[in-house]
Amino acid sequence: MAGPTPIQELIRVNAHSSVRVELGGKVLYVDPFSLREAPHDADLIFLTHDHFDHYSPEDIARVDKPGTVFILPASMVKTAAPAVGGRRFVAVKPGDRGEAGGIAFEAVPAYNPGKRFHPRAKGWVGYVLEAEGLRIYVAGDTDATPEAAAVRCDAALLPIGGTYTMDPAEAAALVNEMRPGLVIPIHYGSVVGAPEDFNRFASAVAEGIRVVRVI
């Protein structure tokens, strides 16, 4: 009998911070962006905030299908109306917990304590996605915050590109505090950051935490 699928095989980073996850028999997307194909296979689409590299109506249109459910911050419901239209959606605020399509989720605050790019007052979020006993954290655009450090998960996808989010050293310090079994860096090497940021990040992560480059 085949064993469970390794967690990294459930996760694909499409580009930048665009993530596809197969979990609980569902296909989940977080911030679809810069997609090359149009599979129309999304059961759930999670949006973290409304910057162009995270909220892309044309890319949402490539993955949604009849019955797709959207989960998005309450503060961007009006902004997302062109993409979401009359579709079913769940509006969340930081700290909320919920369930959609058999997938449990938590909305984790995502913000910059000391930068102007992602103010806490906007109510933007990352998500912990949970099913089948697995917890996958897709952080959105955030710096190292107490709320992020408190997340307990099997896999963490964290931004490392700097400028608008954590840089490699800051992200590694956060990972070393969180102690997930697996970490996949995102938000580097294209819109912001450099490809070599992966090596800078990986070299600073503590022993015992697997660092995987997923594309």
N, C-alpha and C. Protein backbone atom coordinates (compact mmCIF):
# COMPACT_ATOMS: atom_id res chain seq x y z
N MET A 1 0.85 -1.20 0.00
CA MET A 1 0.00 0.00 0.00
C MET A 1 0.88 1.24 0.00
N ALA A 2 0.57 2.19 -0.88
CA ALA A 2 1.36 3.41 -0.96
C ALA A 2 1.16 4.26 0.28
N GLY A 3 2.23 4.89 0.73
CA GLY A 3 2.15 5.77 1.89
C GLY A 3 1.61 7.13 1.49
N PRO A 4 1.49 8.03 2.46
CA PRO A 4 1.00 9.37 2.16
C PRO A 4 1.96 10.13 1.25
N THR A 5 1.42 11.02 0.44
CA THR A 5 2.23 11.82 -0.46
C THR A 5 3.09 12.78 0.34
N PRO A 6 4.41 12.86 0.07
CA PRO A 6 5.25 13.84 0.77
C PRO A 6 4.67 15.24 0.62
N ILE A 7 4.73 16.00 1.69
CA ILE A 7 4.03 17.28 1.71
C ILE A 7 4.52 18.22 0.61
N GLN A 8 5.82 18.18 0.27
CA GLN A 8 6.30 19.10 -0.75
C GLN A 8 5.72 18.78 -2.13
N GLU A 9 5.26 17.54 -2.32
CA GLU A 9 4.65 17.18 -3.60
C GLU A 9 3.21 17.67 -3.72
N LEU A 10 2.66 18.15 -2.64
CA LEU A 10 1.32 18.72 -2.66
C LEU A 10 1.33 20.19 -3.02
N ILE A 11 2.53 20.79 -3.05
CA ILE A 11 2.66 22.23 -3.16
C ILE A 11 3.43 22.59 -4.43
N ARG A 12 2.92 23.59 -5.15
CA ARG A 12 3.64 24.12 -6.31
C ARG A 12 3.64 25.64 -6.23
N VAL A 13 4.80 26.22 -6.41
CA VAL A 13 4.90 27.67 -6.51
C VAL A 13 4.87 28.00 -8.00
N ASN A 14 3.80 28.65 -8.44
CA ASN A 14 3.65 28.95 -9.86
C ASN A 14 4.61 30.05 -10.30
N ALA A 15 4.66 31.11 -9.53
CA ALA A 15 5.54 32.26 -9.81
C ALA A 15 5.42 33.20 -8.63
N HIS A 16 6.56 33.77 -8.24
CA HIS A 16 6.53 34.81 -7.21
C HIS A 16 5.91 34.26 -5.91
N SER A 17 4.67 34.68 -5.58
CA SER A 17 3.98 34.19 -4.38
C SER A 17 2.71 33.43 -4.74
N SER A 18 2.59 33.03 -5.98
CA SER A 18 1.42 32.29 -6.44
C SER A 18 1.61 30.81 -6.12
N VAL A 19 0.73 30.27 -5.30
CA VAL A 19 0.89 28.92 -4.77
C VAL A 19 -0.33 28.07 -5.10
N ARG A 20 -0.06 26.84 -5.52
CA ARG A 20 -1.12 25.85 -5.74
C ARG A 20 -0.89 24.69 -4.77
N VAL A 21 -1.94 24.29 -4.09
CA VAL A 21 -1.85 23.22 -3.10
C VAL A 21 -2.96 22.21 -3.37
N GLU A 22 -2.63 20.94 -3.37
CA GLU A 22 -3.62 19.87 -3.41
C GLU A 22 -3.73 19.31 -2.00
N LEU A 23 -4.89 19.49 -1.40
CA LEU A 23 -5.06 19.13 0.01
C LEU A 23 -6.51 18.72 0.24
N GLY A 24 -6.69 17.62 0.96
CA GLY A 24 -8.04 17.19 1.29
C GLY A 24 -8.90 16.91 0.07
N GLY A 25 -8.28 16.46 -1.01
CA GLY A 25 -9.03 16.18 -2.22
C GLY A 25 -9.46 17.42 -2.98
N LYS A 26 -8.94 18.58 -2.61
CA LYS A 26 -9.29 19.84 -3.25
C LYS A 26 -8.04 20.49 -3.86
N VAL A 27 -8.28 21.35 -4.84
CA VAL A 27 -7.21 22.16 -5.42
C VAL A 27 -7.38 23.59 -4.91
N LEU A 28 -6.35 24.08 -4.24
CA LEU A 28 -6.38 25.40 -3.63
C LEU A 28 -5.34 26.29 -4.32
N TYR A 29 -5.69 27.52 -4.55
CA TYR A 29 -4.73 28.52 -5.03
C TYR A 29 -4.66 29.65 -4.03
N VAL A 30 -3.46 30.15 -3.82
CA VAL A 30 -3.26 31.37 -3.05
C VAL A 30 -2.63 32.39 -3.98
N ASP A 31 -3.31 33.51 -4.18
CA ASP A 31 -2.81 34.62 -5.00
C ASP A 31 -2.37 34.18 -6.39
N PRO A 32 -3.25 33.60 -7.22
CA PRO A 32 -2.83 33.21 -8.57
C PRO A 32 -2.29 34.39 -9.35
N PHE A 33 -1.11 34.19 -9.96
CA PHE A 33 -0.41 35.30 -10.62
C PHE A 33 0.56 34.73 -11.64
N SER A 34 0.64 35.39 -12.79
CA SER A 34 1.62 35.07 -13.83
C SER A 34 1.55 33.60 -14.25
N LEU A 35 0.32 33.13 -14.45
CA LEU A 35 0.11 31.74 -14.84
C LEU A 35 0.27 31.58 -16.35
N ARG A 36 0.84 30.47 -16.76
CA ARG A 36 1.06 30.20 -18.18
C ARG A 36 -0.09 29.41 -18.80
N GLU A 37 -0.86 28.73 -17.98
CA GLU A 37 -1.93 27.89 -18.49
C GLU A 37 -3.25 28.31 -17.84
N ALA A 38 -4.33 27.71 -18.31
CA ALA A 38 -5.66 28.02 -17.78
C ALA A 38 -6.37 26.72 -17.46
N PRO A 39 -6.02 26.09 -16.33
CA PRO A 39 -6.58 24.77 -16.02
C PRO A 39 -8.01 24.79 -15.47
N HIS A 40 -8.47 25.95 -15.01
CA HIS A 40 -9.82 26.06 -14.44
C HIS A 40 -10.09 24.92 -13.46
N ASP A 41 -9.20 24.77 -12.50
CA ASP A 41 -9.28 23.63 -11.59
C ASP A 41 -9.38 24.03 -10.12
N ALA A 42 -9.59 25.31 -9.82
CA ALA A 42 -9.57 25.78 -8.43
C ALA A 42 -10.89 25.48 -7.73
N ASP A 43 -10.81 24.70 -6.66
CA ASP A 43 -11.96 24.56 -5.78
C ASP A 43 -12.06 25.75 -4.84
N LEU A 44 -10.91 26.22 -4.37
CA LEU A 44 -10.85 27.37 -3.47
C LEU A 44 -9.74 28.31 -3.92
N ILE A 45 -10.01 29.60 -3.90
CA ILE A 45 -8.99 30.61 -4.19
C ILE A 45 -8.88 31.52 -2.98
N PHE A 46 -7.68 31.57 -2.40
CA PHE A 46 -7.40 32.42 -1.25
C PHE A 46 -6.62 33.64 -1.73
N LEU A 47 -7.09 34.82 -1.37
CA LEU A 47 -6.40 36.07 -1.70
C LEU A 47 -5.89 36.70 -0.42
N THR A 48 -4.65 37.21 -0.46
CA THR A 48 -4.05 37.78 0.74
C THR A 48 -4.20 39.30 0.81
N HIS A 49 -4.08 39.99 -0.34
CA HIS A 49 -4.24 41.44 -0.38
C HIS A 49 -4.32 41.88 -1.83
N ASP A 50 -4.49 43.19 -2.04
CA ASP A 50 -4.85 43.63 -3.38
C ASP A 50 -3.72 44.26 -4.19
N HIS A 51 -2.47 44.05 -3.85
CA HIS A 51 -1.39 44.50 -4.72
C HIS A 51 -1.37 43.68 -6.00
N PHE A 52 -0.88 44.29 -7.09
CA PHE A 52 -1.03 43.69 -8.42
C PHE A 52 -0.42 42.30 -8.53
N ASP A 53 0.64 42.03 -7.76
CA ASP A 53 1.32 40.74 -7.87
C ASP A 53 0.68 39.68 -6.96
N HIS A 54 -0.47 40.01 -6.38
CA HIS A 54 -1.20 39.06 -5.54
C HIS A 54 -2.67 38.97 -5.95
N TYR A 55 -3.21 40.09 -6.36
CA TYR A 55 -4.59 40.11 -6.87
C TYR A 55 -4.54 40.40 -8.37
N SER A 56 -4.73 39.36 -9.17
CA SER A 56 -4.65 39.47 -10.63
C SER A 56 -5.92 38.88 -11.24
N PRO A 57 -6.89 39.72 -11.60
CA PRO A 57 -8.15 39.19 -12.15
C PRO A 57 -7.95 38.27 -13.35
N GLU A 58 -6.99 38.60 -14.22
CA GLU A 58 -6.80 37.76 -15.40
C GLU A 58 -6.28 36.37 -15.03
N ASP A 59 -5.46 36.28 -13.97
CA ASP A 59 -4.98 34.98 -13.55
C ASP A 59 -6.04 34.21 -12.75
N ILE A 60 -6.81 34.93 -11.98
CA ILE A 60 -7.94 34.29 -11.31
C ILE A 60 -8.86 33.64 -12.34
N ALA A 61 -9.10 34.33 -13.45
CA ALA A 61 -9.97 33.80 -14.50
C ALA A 61 -9.41 32.54 -15.13
N ARG A 62 -8.10 32.35 -15.05
CA ARG A 62 -7.48 31.16 -15.64
C ARG A 62 -7.68 29.90 -14.78
N VAL A 63 -7.96 30.09 -13.49
CA VAL A 63 -8.07 28.92 -12.62
C VAL A 63 -9.46 28.71 -12.04
N ASP A 64 -10.31 29.74 -12.04
CA ASP A 64 -11.62 29.52 -11.43
C ASP A 64 -12.51 28.68 -12.34
N LYS A 65 -13.59 28.21 -11.77
CA LYS A 65 -14.54 27.34 -12.48
C LYS A 65 -15.89 27.50 -11.79
N PRO A 66 -16.95 26.98 -12.36
CA PRO A 66 -18.23 27.03 -11.65
C PRO A 66 -18.10 26.36 -10.28
N GLY A 67 -18.52 27.07 -9.27
CA GLY A 67 -18.46 26.53 -7.91
C GLY A 67 -17.22 26.90 -7.13
N THR A 68 -16.25 27.57 -7.75
CA THR A 68 -15.08 28.01 -7.00
C THR A 68 -15.50 28.94 -5.86
N VAL A 69 -14.91 28.72 -4.70
CA VAL A 69 -15.18 29.56 -3.53
C VAL A 69 -13.96 30.44 -3.28
N PHE A 70 -14.18 31.71 -3.02
CA PHE A 70 -13.11 32.67 -2.75
C PHE A 70 -13.06 32.98 -1.26
N ILE A 71 -11.85 33.06 -0.74
CA ILE A 71 -11.62 33.52 0.63
C ILE A 71 -10.71 34.73 0.52
N LEU A 72 -11.10 35.85 1.08
CA LEU A 72 -10.35 37.09 0.90
C LEU A 72 -10.57 38.02 2.08
N PRO A 73 -9.63 38.95 2.28
CA PRO A 73 -9.80 39.91 3.38
C PRO A 73 -11.05 40.76 3.19
N ALA A 74 -11.73 41.04 4.27
CA ALA A 74 -12.92 41.87 4.20
C ALA A 74 -12.62 43.23 3.61
N SER A 75 -11.39 43.72 3.81
CA SER A 75 -11.02 45.05 3.34
C SER A 75 -10.86 45.12 1.83
N MET A 76 -10.82 43.97 1.12
CA MET A 76 -10.66 44.02 -0.33
C MET A 76 -11.86 43.46 -1.08
N VAL A 77 -12.98 43.29 -0.41
CA VAL A 77 -14.16 42.75 -1.07
C VAL A 77 -14.57 43.64 -2.24
N LYS A 78 -14.58 44.94 -2.03
CA LYS A 78 -14.99 45.85 -3.10
C LYS A 78 -13.98 45.83 -4.25
N THR A 79 -12.70 45.82 -3.92
CA THR A 79 -11.66 45.78 -4.95
C THR A 79 -11.76 44.52 -5.80
N ALA A 80 -12.08 43.41 -5.16
CA ALA A 80 -12.10 42.12 -5.85
C ALA A 80 -13.40 41.85 -6.59
N ALA A 81 -14.35 42.75 -6.51
CA ALA A 81 -15.65 42.52 -7.14
C ALA A 81 -15.56 42.16 -8.62
N PRO A 82 -14.65 42.77 -9.42
CA PRO A 82 -14.58 42.40 -10.84
C PRO A 82 -14.21 40.94 -11.06
N ALA A 83 -13.43 40.36 -10.16
CA ALA A 83 -13.00 38.98 -10.32
C ALA A 83 -13.96 38.01 -9.64
N VAL A 84 -14.50 38.42 -8.51
CA VAL A 84 -15.35 37.53 -7.73
C VAL A 84 -16.81 37.60 -8.20
N GLY A 85 -17.22 38.81 -8.60
CA GLY A 85 -18.57 38.98 -9.10
C GLY A 85 -19.61 38.49 -8.11
N GLY A 86 -20.56 37.72 -8.59
CA GLY A 86 -21.62 37.20 -7.72
C GLY A 86 -21.30 35.83 -7.16
N ARG A 87 -20.03 35.47 -7.21
CA ARG A 87 -19.63 34.14 -6.78
C ARG A 87 -19.66 34.02 -5.25
N ARG A 88 -19.62 32.79 -4.78
CA ARG A 88 -19.60 32.57 -3.34
C ARG A 88 -18.23 32.98 -2.80
N PHE A 89 -18.24 33.75 -1.71
CA PHE A 89 -16.97 34.13 -1.09
C PHE A 89 -17.12 34.20 0.41
N VAL A 90 -15.97 34.10 1.08
CA VAL A 90 -15.90 34.24 2.53
C VAL A 90 -14.96 35.41 2.81
N ALA A 91 -15.47 36.44 3.47
CA ALA A 91 -14.65 37.60 3.83
C ALA A 91 -14.10 37.40 5.24
N VAL A 92 -12.79 37.57 5.40
CA VAL A 92 -12.16 37.30 6.69
C VAL A 92 -11.43 38.53 7.21
N LYS A 93 -11.24 38.53 8.50
CA LYS A 93 -10.41 39.52 9.16
C LYS A 93 -9.26 38.79 9.85
N PRO A 94 -8.14 39.49 10.11
CA PRO A 94 -7.02 38.82 10.79
C PRO A 94 -7.47 38.15 12.08
N GLY A 95 -7.04 36.90 12.24
CA GLY A 95 -7.41 36.13 13.42
C GLY A 95 -8.60 35.23 13.22
N ASP A 96 -9.36 35.42 12.13
CA ASP A 96 -10.53 34.58 11.88
C ASP A 96 -10.13 33.14 11.58
N ARG A 97 -11.02 32.23 11.93
CA ARG A 97 -10.91 30.82 11.56
C ARG A 97 -12.19 30.44 10.84
N GLY A 98 -12.07 29.50 9.91
CA GLY A 98 -13.26 29.08 9.19
C GLY A 98 -13.03 27.77 8.48
N GLU A 99 -14.00 27.42 7.63
CA GLU A 99 -13.94 26.19 6.85
C GLU A 99 -14.67 26.42 5.54
N ALA A 100 -14.11 25.91 4.48
CA ALA A 100 -14.75 25.99 3.17
C ALA A 100 -14.36 24.75 2.37
N GLY A 101 -15.35 24.07 1.85
CA GLY A 101 -15.08 22.90 1.03
C GLY A 101 -14.30 21.80 1.72
N GLY A 102 -14.47 21.70 3.03
CA GLY A 102 -13.75 20.68 3.78
C GLY A 102 -12.34 21.06 4.18
N ILE A 103 -11.93 22.28 3.86
CA ILE A 103 -10.61 22.79 4.22
C ILE A 103 -10.76 23.79 5.35
N ALA A 104 -10.13 23.52 6.48
CA ALA A 104 -10.11 24.48 7.58
C ALA A 104 -9.03 25.52 7.30
N PHE A 105 -9.27 26.75 7.72
CA PHE A 105 -8.26 27.78 7.50
C PHE A 105 -8.24 28.77 8.65
N GLU A 106 -7.09 29.39 8.81
CA GLU A 106 -6.91 30.48 9.75
C GLU A 106 -6.34 31.67 8.99
N ALA A 107 -6.85 32.84 9.26
CA ALA A 107 -6.36 34.07 8.64
C ALA A 107 -5.35 34.72 9.60
N VAL A 108 -4.09 34.69 9.22
CA VAL A 108 -3.00 35.20 10.07
C VAL A 108 -2.67 36.63 9.63
N PRO A 109 -2.60 37.58 10.55
CA PRO A 109 -2.25 38.94 10.15
C PRO A 109 -0.96 38.99 9.33
N ALA A 110 -0.96 39.78 8.27
CA ALA A 110 0.22 39.96 7.42
C ALA A 110 0.45 41.46 7.26
N TYR A 111 1.58 41.93 7.79
CA TYR A 111 1.81 43.37 7.78
C TYR A 111 3.29 43.68 8.02
N ASN A 112 3.64 44.94 7.77
CA ASN A 112 4.98 45.45 8.06
C ASN A 112 4.92 46.32 9.31
N PRO A 113 5.58 45.93 10.39
CA PRO A 113 5.58 46.79 11.58
C PRO A 113 6.27 48.12 11.35
N GLY A 114 7.29 48.15 10.50
CA GLY A 114 8.08 49.36 10.36
C GLY A 114 8.21 49.90 8.96
N LYS A 115 7.35 49.44 8.04
CA LYS A 115 7.37 49.92 6.66
C LYS A 115 5.96 50.35 6.28
N ARG A 116 5.87 51.10 5.20
CA ARG A 116 4.57 51.64 4.80
C ARG A 116 3.82 50.76 3.80
N PHE A 117 4.44 49.70 3.31
CA PHE A 117 3.88 48.96 2.18
C PHE A 117 2.65 48.13 2.54
N HIS A 118 2.67 47.54 3.72
CA HIS A 118 1.56 46.66 4.14
C HIS A 118 1.14 47.05 5.55
N PRO A 119 0.38 48.12 5.69
CA PRO A 119 -0.01 48.59 7.02
C PRO A 119 -0.94 47.58 7.71
N ARG A 120 -0.75 47.44 8.99
CA ARG A 120 -1.60 46.51 9.75
C ARG A 120 -3.07 46.90 9.64
N ALA A 121 -3.33 48.19 9.54
CA ALA A 121 -4.71 48.67 9.51
C ALA A 121 -5.49 48.18 8.28
N LYS A 122 -4.80 47.73 7.26
CA LYS A 122 -5.48 47.24 6.05
C LYS A 122 -6.19 45.91 6.30
N GLY A 123 -5.78 45.18 7.31
CA GLY A 123 -6.43 43.91 7.58
C GLY A 123 -6.07 42.81 6.60
N TRP A 124 -4.89 42.88 6.02
CA TRP A 124 -4.45 41.85 5.07
C TRP A 124 -3.94 40.63 5.83
N VAL A 125 -3.89 39.50 5.14
CA VAL A 125 -3.65 38.24 5.84
C VAL A 125 -2.79 37.27 5.04
N GLY A 126 -2.25 36.28 5.74
CA GLY A 126 -1.80 35.03 5.17
C GLY A 126 -2.76 33.95 5.68
N TYR A 127 -2.52 32.72 5.27
CA TYR A 127 -3.45 31.65 5.64
C TYR A 127 -2.72 30.40 6.11
N VAL A 128 -3.27 29.78 7.15
CA VAL A 128 -2.93 28.40 7.47
C VAL A 128 -4.05 27.53 6.91
N LEU A 129 -3.69 26.60 6.03
CA LEU A 129 -4.64 25.70 5.38
C LEU A 129 -4.50 24.33 6.03
N GLU A 130 -5.61 23.72 6.39
CA GLU A 130 -5.52 22.47 7.16
C GLU A 130 -6.52 21.44 6.66
N ALA A 131 -6.02 20.24 6.42
CA ALA A 131 -6.83 19.07 6.11
C ALA A 131 -5.93 17.85 6.21
N GLU A 132 -6.54 16.69 6.42
CA GLU A 132 -5.81 15.43 6.46
C GLU A 132 -4.67 15.45 7.48
N GLY A 133 -4.85 16.21 8.56
CA GLY A 133 -3.83 16.29 9.59
C GLY A 133 -2.62 17.12 9.23
N LEU A 134 -2.67 17.85 8.12
CA LEU A 134 -1.55 18.69 7.69
C LEU A 134 -1.93 20.16 7.79
N ARG A 135 -0.96 20.97 8.19
CA ARG A 135 -1.14 22.42 8.28
C ARG A 135 -0.07 23.10 7.42
N ILE A 136 -0.54 23.87 6.44
CA ILE A 136 0.34 24.55 5.50
C ILE A 136 0.10 26.04 5.64
N TYR A 137 1.16 26.80 5.93
CA TYR A 137 1.07 28.24 6.16
C TYR A 137 1.63 28.97 4.95
N VAL A 138 0.78 29.75 4.29
CA VAL A 138 1.21 30.64 3.20
C VAL A 138 1.08 32.06 3.73
N ALA A 139 2.21 32.71 3.95
CA ALA A 139 2.24 33.89 4.82
C ALA A 139 1.74 35.18 4.20
N GLY A 140 1.65 35.27 2.86
CA GLY A 140 1.34 36.56 2.27
C GLY A 140 2.52 37.50 2.43
N ASP A 141 2.28 38.79 2.22
CA ASP A 141 3.35 39.78 2.32
C ASP A 141 3.43 40.28 3.76
N THR A 142 4.45 39.84 4.46
CA THR A 142 4.58 40.19 5.87
C THR A 142 6.05 40.26 6.26
N ASP A 143 6.30 40.93 7.33
CA ASP A 143 7.59 40.85 8.00
C ASP A 143 7.46 39.83 9.12
N ALA A 144 8.54 39.61 9.84
CA ALA A 144 8.49 38.74 11.02
C ALA A 144 7.66 39.44 12.09
N THR A 145 6.56 38.82 12.48
CA THR A 145 5.65 39.41 13.45
C THR A 145 5.39 38.40 14.55
N PRO A 146 4.91 38.83 15.70
CA PRO A 146 4.55 37.86 16.75
C PRO A 146 3.50 36.87 16.29
N GLU A 147 2.56 37.32 15.46
CA GLU A 147 1.51 36.42 14.99
C GLU A 147 2.07 35.33 14.07
N ALA A 148 3.02 35.71 13.22
CA ALA A 148 3.65 34.71 12.35
C ALA A 148 4.49 33.73 13.17
N ALA A 149 5.21 34.25 14.14
CA ALA A 149 6.07 33.39 14.96
C ALA A 149 5.25 32.38 15.76
N ALA A 150 3.98 32.70 16.03
CA ALA A 150 3.13 31.82 16.83
C ALA A 150 2.49 30.71 16.01
N VAL A 151 2.60 30.79 14.68
CA VAL A 151 1.98 29.77 13.82
C VAL A 151 2.70 28.44 14.00
N ARG A 152 1.93 27.39 14.14
CA ARG A 152 2.47 26.04 14.18
C ARG A 152 1.97 25.31 12.94
N CYS A 153 2.89 24.78 12.17
CA CYS A 153 2.52 24.20 10.89
C CYS A 153 3.53 23.14 10.47
N ASP A 154 3.13 22.33 9.52
CA ASP A 154 4.03 21.32 8.96
C ASP A 154 4.90 21.91 7.86
N ALA A 155 4.36 22.86 7.12
CA ALA A 155 5.11 23.52 6.05
C ALA A 155 4.79 25.01 6.07
N ALA A 156 5.82 25.82 5.89
CA ALA A 156 5.65 27.27 5.86
C ALA A 156 6.19 27.82 4.54
N LEU A 157 5.40 28.65 3.89
CA LEU A 157 5.83 29.34 2.68
C LEU A 157 5.93 30.82 3.04
N LEU A 158 7.16 31.32 3.08
CA LEU A 158 7.43 32.66 3.60
C LEU A 158 8.14 33.52 2.56
N PRO A 159 7.80 34.82 2.52
CA PRO A 159 8.51 35.73 1.61
C PRO A 159 9.91 36.01 2.12
N ILE A 160 10.87 36.08 1.19
CA ILE A 160 12.27 36.33 1.60
C ILE A 160 12.93 37.45 0.78
N GLY A 161 12.19 38.09 -0.13
CA GLY A 161 12.82 39.00 -1.09
C GLY A 161 13.20 40.36 -0.58
N GLY A 162 12.82 40.70 0.66
CA GLY A 162 13.19 42.00 1.20
C GLY A 162 12.39 43.13 0.58
N THR A 163 12.75 44.36 0.90
CA THR A 163 12.10 45.60 0.47
C THR A 163 10.67 45.69 1.00
N TYR A 164 9.78 44.85 0.52
CA TYR A 164 8.37 44.90 0.90
C TYR A 164 8.04 43.90 2.01
N THR A 165 8.94 42.96 2.25
CA THR A 165 8.71 41.89 3.22
C THR A 165 10.03 41.61 3.94
N MET A 166 10.09 40.46 4.59
CA MET A 166 11.33 40.00 5.21
C MET A 166 12.41 39.78 4.16
N ASP A 167 13.66 39.99 4.56
CA ASP A 167 14.77 39.59 3.70
C ASP A 167 15.20 38.18 4.12
N PRO A 168 16.16 37.56 3.43
CA PRO A 168 16.52 36.18 3.76
C PRO A 168 16.91 35.95 5.22
N ALA A 169 17.69 36.86 5.79
CA ALA A 169 18.13 36.68 7.18
C ALA A 169 16.96 36.80 8.14
N GLU A 170 16.08 37.77 7.90
CA GLU A 170 14.93 37.95 8.79
C GLU A 170 13.97 36.76 8.69
N ALA A 171 13.77 36.27 7.48
CA ALA A 171 12.88 35.12 7.29
C ALA A 171 13.46 33.87 7.94
N ALA A 172 14.78 33.68 7.84
CA ALA A 172 15.41 32.52 8.47
C ALA A 172 15.28 32.58 9.98
N ALA A 173 15.43 33.76 10.55
CA ALA A 173 15.28 33.90 12.00
C ALA A 173 13.85 33.55 12.43
N LEU A 174 12.87 33.95 11.62
CA LEU A 174 11.48 33.61 11.93
C LEU A 174 11.27 32.10 11.85
N VAL A 175 11.78 31.47 10.81
CA VAL A 175 11.64 30.02 10.65
C VAL A 175 12.26 29.29 11.83
N ASN A 176 13.42 29.76 12.25
CA ASN A 176 14.10 29.11 13.37
C ASN A 176 13.31 29.21 14.67
N GLU A 177 12.46 30.22 14.77
CA GLU A 177 11.57 30.35 15.93
C GLU A 177 10.32 29.49 15.75
N MET A 178 9.78 29.44 14.54
CA MET A 178 8.56 28.67 14.27
C MET A 178 8.80 27.16 14.31
N ARG A 179 9.91 26.72 13.74
CA ARG A 179 10.30 25.31 13.68
C ARG A 179 9.30 24.44 12.90
N PRO A 180 8.92 24.83 11.67
CA PRO A 180 8.13 23.90 10.85
C PRO A 180 9.04 22.78 10.36
N GLY A 181 8.46 21.68 9.93
CA GLY A 181 9.28 20.61 9.39
C GLY A 181 9.86 20.95 8.04
N LEU A 182 9.12 21.77 7.28
CA LEU A 182 9.50 22.12 5.91
C LEU A 182 9.27 23.60 5.70
N VAL A 183 10.16 24.25 4.98
CA VAL A 183 9.95 25.65 4.60
C VAL A 183 10.27 25.82 3.12
N ILE A 184 9.41 26.58 2.46
CA ILE A 184 9.56 26.87 1.03
C ILE A 184 9.56 28.39 0.89
N PRO A 185 10.66 28.99 0.48
CA PRO A 185 10.69 30.44 0.32
C PRO A 185 9.94 30.88 -0.94
N ILE A 186 9.28 32.04 -0.85
CA ILE A 186 8.55 32.63 -1.97
C ILE A 186 8.84 34.13 -2.00
N HIS A 187 8.27 34.81 -3.01
CA HIS A 187 8.37 36.27 -3.10
C HIS A 187 9.83 36.72 -3.23
N TYR A 188 10.54 36.10 -4.16
CA TYR A 188 11.92 36.50 -4.44
C TYR A 188 12.26 36.05 -5.86
N GLY A 189 13.24 36.70 -6.46
CA GLY A 189 13.76 36.24 -7.73
C GLY A 189 13.02 36.71 -8.97
N SER A 190 11.94 37.48 -8.81
CA SER A 190 11.24 37.99 -10.00
C SER A 190 10.82 39.44 -9.77
N VAL A 191 9.67 39.66 -9.12
CA VAL A 191 9.22 41.03 -8.88
C VAL A 191 10.16 41.76 -7.94
N VAL A 192 10.68 41.04 -6.96
CA VAL A 192 11.60 41.62 -5.99
C VAL A 192 12.57 40.53 -5.55
N GLY A 193 13.75 40.92 -5.08
CA GLY A 193 14.72 39.95 -4.63
C GLY A 193 15.44 39.29 -5.79
N ALA A 194 16.44 38.47 -5.47
CA ALA A 194 17.27 37.82 -6.47
C ALA A 194 17.21 36.31 -6.29
N PRO A 195 17.45 35.53 -7.37
CA PRO A 195 17.43 34.07 -7.23
C PRO A 195 18.38 33.55 -6.16
N GLU A 196 19.53 34.22 -6.01
CA GLU A 196 20.50 33.75 -5.02
C GLU A 196 20.05 33.98 -3.58
N ASP A 197 18.94 34.70 -3.38
CA ASP A 197 18.40 34.84 -2.03
C ASP A 197 18.04 33.48 -1.43
N PHE A 198 17.73 32.51 -2.28
CA PHE A 198 17.43 31.18 -1.76
C PHE A 198 18.60 30.63 -0.96
N ASN A 199 19.80 30.74 -1.50
CA ASN A 199 20.98 30.21 -0.81
C ASN A 199 21.27 30.98 0.47
N ARG A 200 21.07 32.29 0.45
CA ARG A 200 21.28 33.10 1.65
C ARG A 200 20.31 32.68 2.74
N PHE A 201 19.08 32.42 2.35
CA PHE A 201 18.06 31.99 3.30
C PHE A 201 18.37 30.60 3.83
N ALA A 202 18.60 29.66 2.93
CA ALA A 202 18.80 28.26 3.33
C ALA A 202 19.98 28.10 4.27
N SER A 203 21.05 28.87 4.03
CA SER A 203 22.25 28.72 4.85
C SER A 203 22.04 29.21 6.28
N ALA A 204 20.99 30.03 6.50
CA ALA A 204 20.74 30.58 7.83
C ALA A 204 19.65 29.82 8.59
N VAL A 205 19.01 28.86 7.93
CA VAL A 205 17.97 28.08 8.59
C VAL A 205 18.60 26.99 9.45
N ALA A 206 18.05 26.78 10.63
CA ALA A 206 18.61 25.85 11.59
C ALA A 206 18.57 24.41 11.09
N GLU A 207 19.50 23.63 11.56
CA GLU A 207 19.56 22.21 11.23
C GLU A 207 18.27 21.52 11.70
N GLY A 208 17.79 20.60 10.89
CA GLY A 208 16.57 19.88 11.22
C GLY A 208 15.33 20.42 10.54
N ILE A 209 15.43 21.60 9.91
CA ILE A 209 14.32 22.16 9.15
C ILE A 209 14.68 22.04 7.67
N ARG A 210 13.86 21.34 6.92
CA ARG A 210 14.14 21.15 5.50
C ARG A 210 13.77 22.40 4.73
N VAL A 211 14.66 22.83 3.86
CA VAL A 211 14.42 23.97 2.99
C VAL A 211 14.34 23.45 1.56
N VAL A 212 13.23 23.71 0.90
CA VAL A 212 13.00 23.16 -0.43
C VAL A 212 12.67 24.29 -1.40
N ARG A 213 13.28 24.23 -2.56
CA ARG A 213 12.94 25.16 -3.63
C ARG A 213 11.87 24.47 -4.50
N VAL A 214 10.68 25.05 -4.55
CA VAL A 214 9.58 24.46 -5.31
C VAL A 214 9.19 25.40 -6.43
N ILE A 215 9.19 24.88 -7.66
CA ILE A 215 8.78 25.69 -8.80
C ILE A 215 7.79 24.90 -9.65
